[in-house]
Amino acid sequence: MRIQAFHSRLGMIYHDNDDYPFARTIKPASRRSGESGLGLCMMCRSLDKEDDEANDPRLQQAQLEVTDGDGGAQHRIDDQQTR
């Protein structure tokens, strides 16, 4: 889940996703608010993208067409069931 951006006082990157376990280990006393001109943590960037995709109504309603193993009939499977 996205949170307000922060960085540690000795950090070289900033974090903005509370689902990244390492970001949760940074104690509040060591946190500095904002990006401070630093780059976004790669894990937070990946988690943010997953959050964006999970919350995109166009993707939530997307359906996949899957062909069974012998090339026969196609089945429609709701995207939410494949996650």
C-alpha atoms as a PDB file:
ATOM      1  CA  MET A   1       0.000   0.000   0.000  1.00  0.00           C
ATOM      2  CA  ARG A   2       1.323   3.400  -0.915  1.00  0.00           C
ATOM      3  CA  ILE A   3       2.241   5.718   1.900  1.00  0.00           C
ATOM      4  CA  GLN A   4       3.747   9.180   2.136  1.00  0.00           C
ATOM      5  CA  ALA A   5       7.265   9.136   0.694  1.00  0.00           C
ATOM      6  CA  PHE A   6      10.132   8.980   3.178  1.00  0.00           C
ATOM      7  CA  HIS A   7      13.835   8.237   3.319  1.00  0.00           C
ATOM      8  CA  SER A   8      16.173   7.342   6.130  1.00  0.00           C
ATOM      9  CA  ARG A   9      18.594   9.991   7.260  1.00  0.00           C
ATOM     10  CA  LEU A  10      21.474   7.934   5.836  1.00  0.00           C
ATOM     11  CA  GLY A  11      19.586   6.522   2.866  1.00  0.00           C
ATOM     12  CA  MET A  12      20.349   6.955  -0.799  1.00  0.00           C
ATOM     13  CA  ILE A  13      16.796   6.134  -1.967  1.00  0.00           C
ATOM     14  CA  TYR A  14      13.291   6.881  -0.790  1.00  0.00           C
ATOM     15  CA  HIS A  15      10.387   4.543  -0.073  1.00  0.00           C
ATOM     16  CA  ASP A  16       6.646   4.961  -0.570  1.00  0.00           C
ATOM     17  CA  ASN A  17       5.165   1.492  -0.150  1.00  0.00           C
ATOM     18  CA  ASP A  18       4.460  -0.114   3.220  1.00  0.00           C
ATOM     19  CA  ASP A  19       4.298  -3.599   1.682  1.00  0.00           C
ATOM     20  CA  TYR A  20       8.087  -3.628   1.338  1.00  0.00           C
ATOM     21  CA  PRO A  21       9.352  -5.302   4.540  1.00  0.00           C
ATOM     22  CA  PHE A  22      12.669  -3.432   4.589  1.00  0.00           C
ATOM     23  CA  ALA A  23      10.897  -0.060   4.496  1.00  0.00           C
ATOM     24  CA  ARG A  24       8.877  -1.100   7.553  1.00  0.00           C
ATOM     25  CA  THR A  25      12.093  -1.774   9.496  1.00  0.00           C
ATOM     26  CA  ILE A  26      13.155   1.878   9.300  1.00  0.00           C
ATOM     27  CA  LYS A  27      12.211   3.309  12.671  1.00  0.00           C
ATOM     28  CA  PRO A  28      10.097   6.492  12.739  1.00  0.00           C
ATOM     29  CA  ALA A  29      12.940   8.357  14.480  1.00  0.00           C
ATOM     30  CA  SER A  30      15.214   7.586  11.508  1.00  0.00           C
ATOM     31  CA  ARG A  31      12.669   8.584   8.853  1.00  0.00           C
ATOM     32  CA  ARG A  32      12.752  11.863   7.003  1.00  0.00           C
ATOM     33  CA  SER A  33       9.645  12.974   5.143  1.00  0.00           C
ATOM     34  CA  GLY A  34       9.655  13.314   1.365  1.00  0.00           C
ATOM     35  CA  GLU A  35      11.817  12.253  -1.536  1.00  0.00           C
ATOM     36  CA  SER A  36      14.644  14.754  -0.928  1.00  0.00           C
ATOM     37  CA  GLY A  37      15.801  14.448  -4.538  1.00  0.00           C
ATOM     38  CA  LEU A  38      16.561  10.742  -4.134  1.00  0.00           C
ATOM     39  CA  GLY A  39      15.494   7.938  -6.463  1.00  0.00           C
ATOM     40  CA  LEU A  40      12.587   5.629  -5.660  1.00  0.00           C
ATOM     41  CA  CYS A  41      13.470   2.204  -4.255  1.00  0.00           C
ATOM     42  CA  MET A  42      13.154  -0.464  -6.982  1.00  0.00           C
ATOM     43  CA  MET A  43      11.009  -2.713  -4.767  1.00  0.00           C
ATOM     44  CA  CYS A  44       8.655   0.143  -3.910  1.00  0.00           C
ATOM     45  CA  ARG A  45       8.414   0.996  -7.621  1.00  0.00           C
ATOM     46  CA  SER A  46       7.472  -2.612  -8.406  1.00  0.00           C
ATOM     47  CA  LEU A  47       4.917  -2.763  -5.575  1.00  0.00           C
ATOM     48  CA  ASP A  48       3.444   0.591  -6.684  1.00  0.00           C
ATOM     49  CA  LYS A  49       2.991  -0.794 -10.202  1.00  0.00           C
ATOM     50  CA  GLU A  50       1.235  -3.875  -8.811  1.00  0.00           C
ATOM     51  CA  ASP A  51      -1.038  -1.609  -6.731  1.00  0.00           C
ATOM     52  CA  ASP A  52      -1.840   0.519  -9.780  1.00  0.00           C
ATOM     53  CA  GLU A  53      -2.688  -2.550 -11.856  1.00  0.00           C
ATOM     54  CA  ALA A  54      -4.819  -4.057  -9.087  1.00  0.00           C
ATOM     55  CA  ASN A  55      -6.787  -0.818  -8.769  1.00  0.00           C
ATOM     56  CA  ASP A  56      -7.233  -0.172 -12.505  1.00  0.00           C
ATOM     57  CA  PRO A  57     -10.900  -0.893 -13.305  1.00  0.00           C
ATOM     58  CA  ARG A  58     -10.023  -1.603 -16.951  1.00  0.00           C
ATOM     59  CA  LEU A  59      -7.658  -4.378 -15.872  1.00  0.00           C
ATOM     60  CA  GLN A  60     -10.034  -5.726 -13.226  1.00  0.00           C
ATOM     61  CA  GLN A  61     -12.625  -6.389 -15.905  1.00  0.00           C
ATOM     62  CA  ALA A  62     -10.157  -7.763 -18.438  1.00  0.00           C
ATOM     63  CA  GLN A  63     -10.690 -11.362 -19.388  1.00  0.00           C
ATOM     64  CA  LEU A  64      -8.203 -13.841 -20.735  1.00  0.00           C
ATOM     65  CA  GLU A  65      -8.966 -16.383 -23.404  1.00  0.00           C
ATOM     66  CA  VAL A  66      -7.352 -19.675 -22.663  1.00  0.00           C
ATOM     67  CA  THR A  67      -7.145 -22.616 -25.024  1.00  0.00           C
ATOM     68  CA  ASP A  68      -7.198 -26.063 -23.491  1.00  0.00           C
ATOM     69  CA  GLY A  69      -4.195 -28.352 -23.949  1.00  0.00           C
ATOM     70  CA  ASP A  70      -5.454 -30.180 -27.063  1.00  0.00           C
ATOM     71  CA  GLY A  71      -6.225 -26.973 -28.985  1.00  0.00           C
ATOM     72  CA  GLY A  72      -9.959 -27.477 -28.581  1.00  0.00           C
ATOM     73  CA  ALA A  73     -12.559 -25.183 -27.094  1.00  0.00           C
ATOM     74  CA  GLN A  74     -11.616 -21.856 -25.631  1.00  0.00           C
ATOM     75  CA  HIS A  75     -12.666 -20.865 -22.145  1.00  0.00           C
ATOM     76  CA  ARG A  76     -12.996 -17.348 -20.808  1.00  0.00           C
ATOM     77  CA  ILE A  77     -11.407 -16.906 -17.401  1.00  0.00           C
ATOM     78  CA  ASP A  78     -11.844 -13.753 -15.366  1.00  0.00           C
ATOM     79  CA  ASP A  79      -8.470 -12.093 -14.716  1.00  0.00           C
ATOM     80  CA  GLN A  80      -9.061 -11.978 -10.960  1.00  0.00           C
ATOM     81  CA  GLN A  81      -9.175 -15.783 -10.818  1.00  0.00           C
ATOM     82  CA  THR A  82      -5.703 -16.092 -12.353  1.00  0.00           C
ATOM     83  CA  ARG A  83      -3.935 -14.081  -9.616  1.00  0.00           C
END
